[in-house]
PDB file of N, CA and C in Angstrom:
ATOM      1  N   MET A   1       3.851   2.599  33.564  1.00  0.00           N
ATOM      2  CA  MET A   1       4.363   1.242  33.607  1.00  0.00           C
ATOM      3  C   MET A   1       3.770   0.453  32.446  1.00  0.00           C
ATOM      4  N   GLY A   2       4.611  -0.288  31.762  1.00  0.00           N
ATOM      5  CA  GLY A   2       4.205  -1.024  30.576  1.00  0.00           C
ATOM      6  C   GLY A   2       3.656  -2.398  30.909  1.00  0.00           C
ATOM      7  N   ASP A   3       3.329  -3.111  29.862  1.00  0.00           N
ATOM      8  CA  ASP A   3       2.815  -4.477  29.963  1.00  0.00           C
ATOM      9  C   ASP A   3       3.967  -5.408  30.345  1.00  0.00           C
ATOM     10  N   PRO A   4       3.880  -6.076  31.498  1.00  0.00           N
ATOM     11  CA  PRO A   4       4.990  -6.940  31.954  1.00  0.00           C
ATOM     12  C   PRO A   4       5.323  -8.076  30.995  1.00  0.00           C
ATOM     13  N   SER A   5       4.309  -8.664  30.339  1.00  0.00           N
ATOM     14  CA  SER A   5       4.596  -9.763  29.431  1.00  0.00           C
ATOM     15  C   SER A   5       5.343  -9.241  28.186  1.00  0.00           C
ATOM     16  N   TYR A   6       4.982  -8.054  27.713  1.00  0.00           N
ATOM     17  CA  TYR A   6       5.673  -7.444  26.579  1.00  0.00           C
ATOM     18  C   TYR A   6       7.115  -7.142  26.960  1.00  0.00           C
ATOM     19  N   GLU A   7       7.293  -6.562  28.135  1.00  0.00           N
ATOM     20  CA  GLU A   7       8.651  -6.224  28.585  1.00  0.00           C
ATOM     21  C   GLU A   7       9.513  -7.465  28.767  1.00  0.00           C
ATOM     22  N   ALA A   8       8.965  -8.518  29.335  1.00  0.00           N
ATOM     23  CA  ALA A   8       9.723  -9.752  29.532  1.00  0.00           C
ATOM     24  C   ALA A   8      10.134 -10.359  28.204  1.00  0.00           C
ATOM     25  N   GLU A   9       9.220 -10.345  27.243  1.00  0.00           N
ATOM     26  CA  GLU A   9       9.518 -10.901  25.919  1.00  0.00           C
ATOM     27  C   GLU A   9      10.640 -10.138  25.252  1.00  0.00           C
ATOM     28  N   HIS A  10      10.646  -8.822  25.360  1.00  0.00           N
ATOM     29  CA  HIS A  10      11.617  -7.993  24.666  1.00  0.00           C
ATOM     30  C   HIS A  10      12.937  -7.835  25.411  1.00  0.00           C
ATOM     31  N   GLU A  11      12.973  -8.170  26.685  1.00  0.00           N
ATOM     32  CA  GLU A  11      14.239  -8.145  27.416  1.00  0.00           C
ATOM     33  C   GLU A  11      15.187  -9.201  26.880  1.00  0.00           C
ATOM     34  N   GLN A  12      14.653 -10.262  26.306  1.00  0.00           N
ATOM     35  CA  GLN A  12      15.468 -11.370  25.843  1.00  0.00           C
ATOM     36  C   GLN A  12      15.897 -11.198  24.378  1.00  0.00           C
ATOM     37  N   GLN A  13      15.518 -10.121  23.736  1.00  0.00           N
ATOM     38  CA  GLN A  13      15.896  -9.892  22.352  1.00  0.00           C
ATOM     39  C   GLN A  13      17.365  -9.499  22.263  1.00  0.00           C
ATOM     40  N   SER A  14      18.011  -9.957  21.198  1.00  0.00           N
ATOM     41  CA  SER A  14      19.358  -9.489  20.915  1.00  0.00           C
ATOM     42  C   SER A  14      19.253  -8.078  20.354  1.00  0.00           C
ATOM     43  N   GLU A  15      20.365  -7.383  20.292  1.00  0.00           N
ATOM     44  CA  GLU A  15      20.365  -6.036  19.721  1.00  0.00           C
ATOM     45  C   GLU A  15      19.921  -6.070  18.277  1.00  0.00           C
ATOM     46  N   THR A  16      20.379  -7.070  17.538  1.00  0.00           N
ATOM     47  CA  THR A  16      20.000  -7.197  16.133  1.00  0.00           C
ATOM     48  C   THR A  16      18.504  -7.410  15.997  1.00  0.00           C
ATOM     49  N   ASP A  17      17.924  -8.279  16.817  1.00  0.00           N
ATOM     50  CA  ASP A  17      16.483  -8.514  16.768  1.00  0.00           C
ATOM     51  C   ASP A  17      15.711  -7.252  17.132  1.00  0.00           C
ATOM     52  N   TYR A  18      16.207  -6.519  18.111  1.00  0.00           N
ATOM     53  CA  TYR A  18      15.585  -5.258  18.506  1.00  0.00           C
ATOM     54  C   TYR A  18      15.566  -4.272  17.352  1.00  0.00           C
ATOM     55  N   LEU A  19      16.696  -4.128  16.669  1.00  0.00           N
ATOM     56  CA  LEU A  19      16.789  -3.200  15.556  1.00  0.00           C
ATOM     57  C   LEU A  19      15.897  -3.631  14.390  1.00  0.00           C
ATOM     58  N   ARG A  20      15.809  -4.927  14.149  1.00  0.00           N
ATOM     59  CA  ARG A  20      14.901  -5.419  13.112  1.00  0.00           C
ATOM     60  C   ARG A  20      13.451  -5.087  13.451  1.00  0.00           C
ATOM     61  N   GLU A  21      13.089  -5.217  14.725  1.00  0.00           N
ATOM     62  CA  GLU A  21      11.727  -4.905  15.158  1.00  0.00           C
ATOM     63  C   GLU A  21      11.440  -3.415  15.012  1.00  0.00           C
ATOM     64  N   ILE A  22      12.396  -2.576  15.356  1.00  0.00           N
ATOM     65  CA  ILE A  22      12.228  -1.135  15.179  1.00  0.00           C
ATOM     66  C   ILE A  22      12.043  -0.802  13.706  1.00  0.00           C
ATOM     67  N   GLU A  23      12.831  -1.413  12.838  1.00  0.00           N
ATOM     68  CA  GLU A  23      12.681  -1.147  11.413  1.00  0.00           C
ATOM     69  C   GLU A  23      11.325  -1.642  10.895  1.00  0.00           C
ATOM     70  N   ARG A  24      10.884  -2.793  11.370  1.00  0.00           N
ATOM     71  CA  ARG A  24       9.591  -3.314  10.952  1.00  0.00           C
ATOM     72  C   ARG A  24       8.478  -2.333  11.357  1.00  0.00           C
ATOM     73  N   LEU A  25       8.545  -1.829  12.581  1.00  0.00           N
ATOM     74  CA  LEU A  25       7.539  -0.876  13.044  1.00  0.00           C
ATOM     75  C   LEU A  25       7.614   0.426  12.272  1.00  0.00           C
ATOM     76  N   ALA A  26       8.826   0.896  11.982  1.00  0.00           N
ATOM     77  CA  ALA A  26       8.985   2.122  11.207  1.00  0.00           C
ATOM     78  C   ALA A  26       8.391   1.960   9.812  1.00  0.00           C
ATOM     79  N   ARG A  27       8.612   0.803   9.198  1.00  0.00           N
ATOM     80  CA  ARG A  27       8.039   0.551   7.873  1.00  0.00           C
ATOM     81  C   ARG A  27       6.512   0.533   7.930  1.00  0.00           C
ATOM     82  N   ALA A  28       5.960   0.012   9.026  1.00  0.00           N
ATOM     83  CA  ALA A  28       4.497   0.007   9.181  1.00  0.00           C
ATOM     84  C   ALA A  28       3.964   1.426   9.299  1.00  0.00           C
ATOM     85  N   VAL A  29       4.644   2.295  10.024  1.00  0.00           N
ATOM     86  CA  VAL A  29       4.241   3.696  10.136  1.00  0.00           C
ATOM     87  C   VAL A  29       4.258   4.365   8.769  1.00  0.00           C
ATOM     88  N   VAL A  30       5.331   4.148   8.025  1.00  0.00           N
ATOM     89  CA  VAL A  30       5.472   4.739   6.690  1.00  0.00           C
ATOM     90  C   VAL A  30       4.380   4.225   5.759  1.00  0.00           C
ATOM     91  N   GLU A  31       4.100   2.935   5.822  1.00  0.00           N
ATOM     92  CA  GLU A  31       3.047   2.348   4.976  1.00  0.00           C
ATOM     93  C   GLU A  31       1.682   2.986   5.276  1.00  0.00           C
ATOM     94  N   GLU A  32       1.383   3.179   6.549  1.00  0.00           N
ATOM     95  CA  GLU A  32       0.105   3.792   6.926  1.00  0.00           C
ATOM     96  C   GLU A  32       0.051   5.249   6.450  1.00  0.00           C
ATOM     97  N   ALA A  33       1.136   5.976   6.557  1.00  0.00           N
ATOM     98  CA  ALA A  33       1.161   7.352   6.055  1.00  0.00           C
ATOM     99  C   ALA A  33       0.896   7.381   4.560  1.00  0.00           C
ATOM    100  N   GLY A  34       1.472   6.427   3.843  1.00  0.00           N
ATOM    101  CA  GLY A  34       1.239   6.330   2.409  1.00  0.00           C
ATOM    102  C   GLY A  34      -0.220   6.038   2.094  1.00  0.00           C
ATOM    103  N   SER A  35      -0.817   5.149   2.880  1.00  0.00           N
ATOM    104  CA  SER A  35      -2.225   4.800   2.632  1.00  0.00           C
ATOM    105  C   SER A  35      -3.163   5.957   2.956  1.00  0.00           C
ATOM    106  N   GLU A  36      -2.718   6.880   3.821  1.00  0.00           N
ATOM    107  CA  GLU A  36      -3.522   8.068   4.126  1.00  0.00           C
ATOM    108  C   GLU A  36      -3.331   9.167   3.072  1.00  0.00           C
ATOM    109  N   GLY A  37      -2.353   8.988   2.207  1.00  0.00           N
ATOM    110  CA  GLY A  37      -2.167   9.903   1.101  1.00  0.00           C
ATOM    111  C   GLY A  37      -1.315  11.137   1.353  1.00  0.00           C
ATOM    112  N   TRP A  38      -0.592  11.197   2.463  1.00  0.00           N
ATOM    113  CA  TRP A  38       0.219  12.399   2.715  1.00  0.00           C
ATOM    114  C   TRP A  38       1.726  12.139   2.782  1.00  0.00           C
ATOM    115  N   LEU A  39       2.147  10.936   2.541  1.00  0.00           N
ATOM    116  CA  LEU A  39       3.577  10.614   2.581  1.00  0.00           C
ATOM    117  C   LEU A  39       4.305  11.305   1.435  1.00  0.00           C
ATOM    118  N   ALA A  40       5.457  11.916   1.732  1.00  0.00           N
ATOM    119  CA  ALA A  40       6.248  12.610   0.709  1.00  0.00           C
ATOM    120  C   ALA A  40       7.715  12.249   0.899  1.00  0.00           C
ATOM    121  N   PHE A  41       8.360  11.793  -0.181  1.00  0.00           N
ATOM    122  CA  PHE A  41       9.779  11.477  -0.123  1.00  0.00           C
ATOM    123  C   PHE A  41      10.663  12.665  -0.477  1.00  0.00           C
ATOM    124  N   ASP A  42      10.100  13.679  -1.063  1.00  0.00           N
ATOM    125  CA  ASP A  42      10.849  14.856  -1.482  1.00  0.00           C
ATOM    126  C   ASP A  42      11.194  15.725  -0.270  1.00  0.00           C
ATOM    127  N   PRO A  43      12.479  15.888   0.030  1.00  0.00           N
ATOM    128  CA  PRO A  43      12.846  16.690   1.201  1.00  0.00           C
ATOM    129  C   PRO A  43      12.474  18.165   1.082  1.00  0.00           C
ATOM    130  N   ASP A  44      12.236  18.634  -0.144  1.00  0.00           N
ATOM    131  CA  ASP A  44      11.853  20.034  -0.360  1.00  0.00           C
ATOM    132  C   ASP A  44      10.340  20.245  -0.322  1.00  0.00           C
ATOM    133  N   ASP A  45       9.591  19.143  -0.111  1.00  0.00           N
ATOM    134  CA  ASP A  45       8.135  19.258  -0.072  1.00  0.00           C
ATOM    135  C   ASP A  45       7.715  19.937   1.220  1.00  0.00           C
ATOM    136  N   GLU A  46       7.122  21.100   1.114  1.00  0.00           N
ATOM    137  CA  GLU A  46       6.699  21.880   2.272  1.00  0.00           C
ATOM    138  C   GLU A  46       5.227  21.642   2.623  1.00  0.00           C
ATOM    139  N   SER A  47       4.600  20.639   2.003  1.00  0.00           N
ATOM    140  CA  SER A  47       3.167  20.445   2.192  1.00  0.00           C
ATOM    141  C   SER A  47       2.803  19.752   3.498  1.00  0.00           C
ATOM    142  N   SER A  48       3.775  19.217   4.228  1.00  0.00           N
ATOM    143  CA  SER A  48       3.486  18.525   5.480  1.00  0.00           C
ATOM    144  C   SER A  48       3.194  19.562   6.558  1.00  0.00           C
ATOM    145  N   PRO A  49       1.950  19.631   6.990  1.00  0.00           N
ATOM    146  CA  PRO A  49       1.567  20.703   7.900  1.00  0.00           C
ATOM    147  C   PRO A  49       1.957  20.493   9.357  1.00  0.00           C
ATOM    148  N   THR A  50       2.250  19.270   9.757  1.00  0.00           N
ATOM    149  CA  THR A  50       2.524  19.051  11.177  1.00  0.00           C
ATOM    150  C   THR A  50       3.925  18.496  11.394  1.00  0.00           C
ATOM    151  N   PRO A  51       4.490  18.713  12.575  1.00  0.00           N
ATOM    152  CA  PRO A  51       5.786  18.144  12.892  1.00  0.00           C
ATOM    153  C   PRO A  51       5.787  16.615  12.784  1.00  0.00           C
ATOM    154  N   LEU A  52       4.679  15.967  13.149  1.00  0.00           N
ATOM    155  CA  LEU A  52       4.603  14.514  13.051  1.00  0.00           C
ATOM    156  C   LEU A  52       4.716  14.073  11.586  1.00  0.00           C
ATOM    157  N   GLN A  53       4.003  14.728  10.694  1.00  0.00           N
ATOM    158  CA  GLN A  53       4.069  14.368   9.286  1.00  0.00           C
ATOM    159  C   GLN A  53       5.467  14.613   8.732  1.00  0.00           C
ATOM    160  N   ARG A  54       6.095  15.692   9.098  1.00  0.00           N
ATOM    161  CA  ARG A  54       7.462  15.960   8.633  1.00  0.00           C
ATOM    162  C   ARG A  54       8.412  14.883   9.134  1.00  0.00           C
ATOM    163  N   SER A  55       8.227  14.461  10.393  1.00  0.00           N
ATOM    164  CA  SER A  55       9.083  13.407  10.971  1.00  0.00           C
ATOM    165  C   SER A  55       8.869  12.064  10.276  1.00  0.00           C
ATOM    166  N   VAL A  56       7.626  11.725   9.979  1.00  0.00           N
ATOM    167  CA  VAL A  56       7.345  10.471   9.282  1.00  0.00           C
ATOM    168  C   VAL A  56       7.917  10.510   7.870  1.00  0.00           C
ATOM    169  N   ASN A  57       7.829  11.663   7.207  1.00  0.00           N
ATOM    170  CA  ASN A  57       8.424  11.788   5.863  1.00  0.00           C
ATOM    171  C   ASN A  57       9.922  11.597   5.930  1.00  0.00           C
ATOM    172  N   GLU A  58      10.561  12.157   6.943  1.00  0.00           N
ATOM    173  CA  GLU A  58      12.019  11.981   7.114  1.00  0.00           C
ATOM    174  C   GLU A  58      12.337  10.508   7.385  1.00  0.00           C
ATOM    175  N   LEU A  59      11.531   9.852   8.199  1.00  0.00           N
ATOM    176  CA  LEU A  59      11.699   8.426   8.458  1.00  0.00           C
ATOM    177  C   LEU A  59      11.584   7.619   7.173  1.00  0.00           C
ATOM    178  N   ALA A  60      10.611   7.953   6.362  1.00  0.00           N
ATOM    179  CA  ALA A  60      10.414   7.252   5.079  1.00  0.00           C
ATOM    180  C   ALA A  60      11.622   7.424   4.161  1.00  0.00           C
ATOM    181  N   ARG A  61      12.149   8.636   4.102  1.00  0.00           N
ATOM    182  CA  ARG A  61      13.349   8.875   3.269  1.00  0.00           C
ATOM    183  C   ARG A  61      14.525   8.052   3.780  1.00  0.00           C
ATOM    184  N   SER A  62      14.692   8.015   5.077  1.00  0.00           N
ATOM    185  CA  SER A  62      15.789   7.240   5.645  1.00  0.00           C
ATOM    186  C   SER A  62      15.651   5.759   5.350  1.00  0.00           C
ATOM    187  N   LEU A  63      14.459   5.220   5.504  1.00  0.00           N
ATOM    188  CA  LEU A  63      14.229   3.796   5.204  1.00  0.00           C
ATOM    189  C   LEU A  63      14.454   3.483   3.748  1.00  0.00           C
ATOM    190  N   ARG A  64      14.072   4.390   2.872  1.00  0.00           N
ATOM    191  CA  ARG A  64      14.191   4.138   1.430  1.00  0.00           C
ATOM    192  C   ARG A  64      15.607   4.309   0.923  1.00  0.00           C
ATOM    193  N   PHE A  65      16.333   5.307   1.425  1.00  0.00           N
ATOM    194  CA  PHE A  65      17.594   5.694   0.795  1.00  0.00           C
ATOM    195  C   PHE A  65      18.849   5.371   1.595  1.00  0.00           C
ATOM    196  N   THR A  66      18.722   4.965   2.859  1.00  0.00           N
ATOM    197  CA  THR A  66      19.892   4.653   3.674  1.00  0.00           C
ATOM    198  C   THR A  66      19.962   3.141   3.866  1.00  0.00           C
ATOM    199  N   HIS A  67      21.088   2.554   3.481  1.00  0.00           N
ATOM    200  CA  HIS A  67      21.244   1.103   3.574  1.00  0.00           C
ATOM    201  C   HIS A  67      22.601   0.735   4.165  1.00  0.00           C
ATOM    202  N   PHE A  68      22.650  -0.419   4.780  1.00  0.00           N
ATOM    203  CA  PHE A  68      23.857  -0.924   5.422  1.00  0.00           C
ATOM    204  C   PHE A  68      24.089  -2.366   4.999  1.00  0.00           C
ATOM    205  N   GLU A  69      25.314  -2.782   5.097  1.00  0.00           N
ATOM    206  CA  GLU A  69      25.629  -4.171   4.804  1.00  0.00           C
ATOM    207  C   GLU A  69      24.788  -5.081   5.707  1.00  0.00           C
ATOM    208  N   ASP A  70      24.267  -6.138   5.122  1.00  0.00           N
ATOM    209  CA  ASP A  70      23.438  -7.124   5.823  1.00  0.00           C
ATOM    210  C   ASP A  70      22.093  -6.580   6.284  1.00  0.00           C
ATOM    211  N   ASP A  71      21.618  -5.487   5.699  1.00  0.00           N
ATOM    212  CA  ASP A  71      20.298  -4.974   6.107  1.00  0.00           C
ATOM    213  C   ASP A  71      19.170  -5.708   5.388  1.00  0.00           C
ATOM    214  N   GLY A  72      19.521  -6.620   4.502  1.00  0.00           N
ATOM    215  CA  GLY A  72      18.497  -7.423   3.834  1.00  0.00           C
ATOM    216  C   GLY A  72      17.913  -6.769   2.599  1.00  0.00           C
ATOM    217  N   CYS A  73      18.415  -5.602   2.231  1.00  0.00           N
ATOM    218  CA  CYS A  73      17.877  -4.905   1.062  1.00  0.00           C
ATOM    219  C   CYS A  73      18.698  -5.283  -0.154  1.00  0.00           C
ATOM    220  N   LEU A  74      18.196  -6.205  -0.921  1.00  0.00           N
ATOM    221  CA  LEU A  74      18.938  -6.710  -2.075  1.00  0.00           C
ATOM    222  C   LEU A  74      18.980  -5.716  -3.229  1.00  0.00           C
ATOM    223  N   ASP A  75      18.048  -4.776  -3.238  1.00  0.00           N
ATOM    224  CA  ASP A  75      18.000  -3.813  -4.349  1.00  0.00           C
ATOM    225  C   ASP A  75      19.169  -2.844  -4.348  1.00  0.00           C
ATOM    226  N   HIS A  76      19.912  -2.783  -3.272  1.00  0.00           N
ATOM    227  CA  HIS A  76      20.998  -1.804  -3.188  1.00  0.00           C
ATOM    228  C   HIS A  76      22.372  -2.416  -3.135  1.00  0.00           C
ATOM    229  N   GLY A  77      22.477  -3.689  -3.514  1.00  0.00           N
ATOM    230  CA  GLY A  77      23.778  -4.321  -3.660  1.00  0.00           C
ATOM    231  C   GLY A  77      24.418  -4.789  -2.366  1.00  0.00           C
ATOM    232  N   PHE A  78      23.679  -4.831  -1.296  1.00  0.00           N
ATOM    233  CA  PHE A  78      24.268  -5.313  -0.036  1.00  0.00           C
ATOM    234  C   PHE A  78      23.886  -6.738   0.225  1.00  0.00           C
TER     235      PHE A  78
END
């Protein structure tokens, strides 16, 4: 069972706000992986020894290279 105050706060989020929060958290995970020195954007990089590291690397590639209209990423013409 989770924290009731956290759950109550997030029950009132719109879908868009929820997705923005998920992206914010994903970016924080990727940033921490980078600061630990093992983040790799190259999909052919076999140096990630654990499933978690491979998953975080895939998450990082998705955040960097996949964009949608209105995602707020001005660098990609949206």
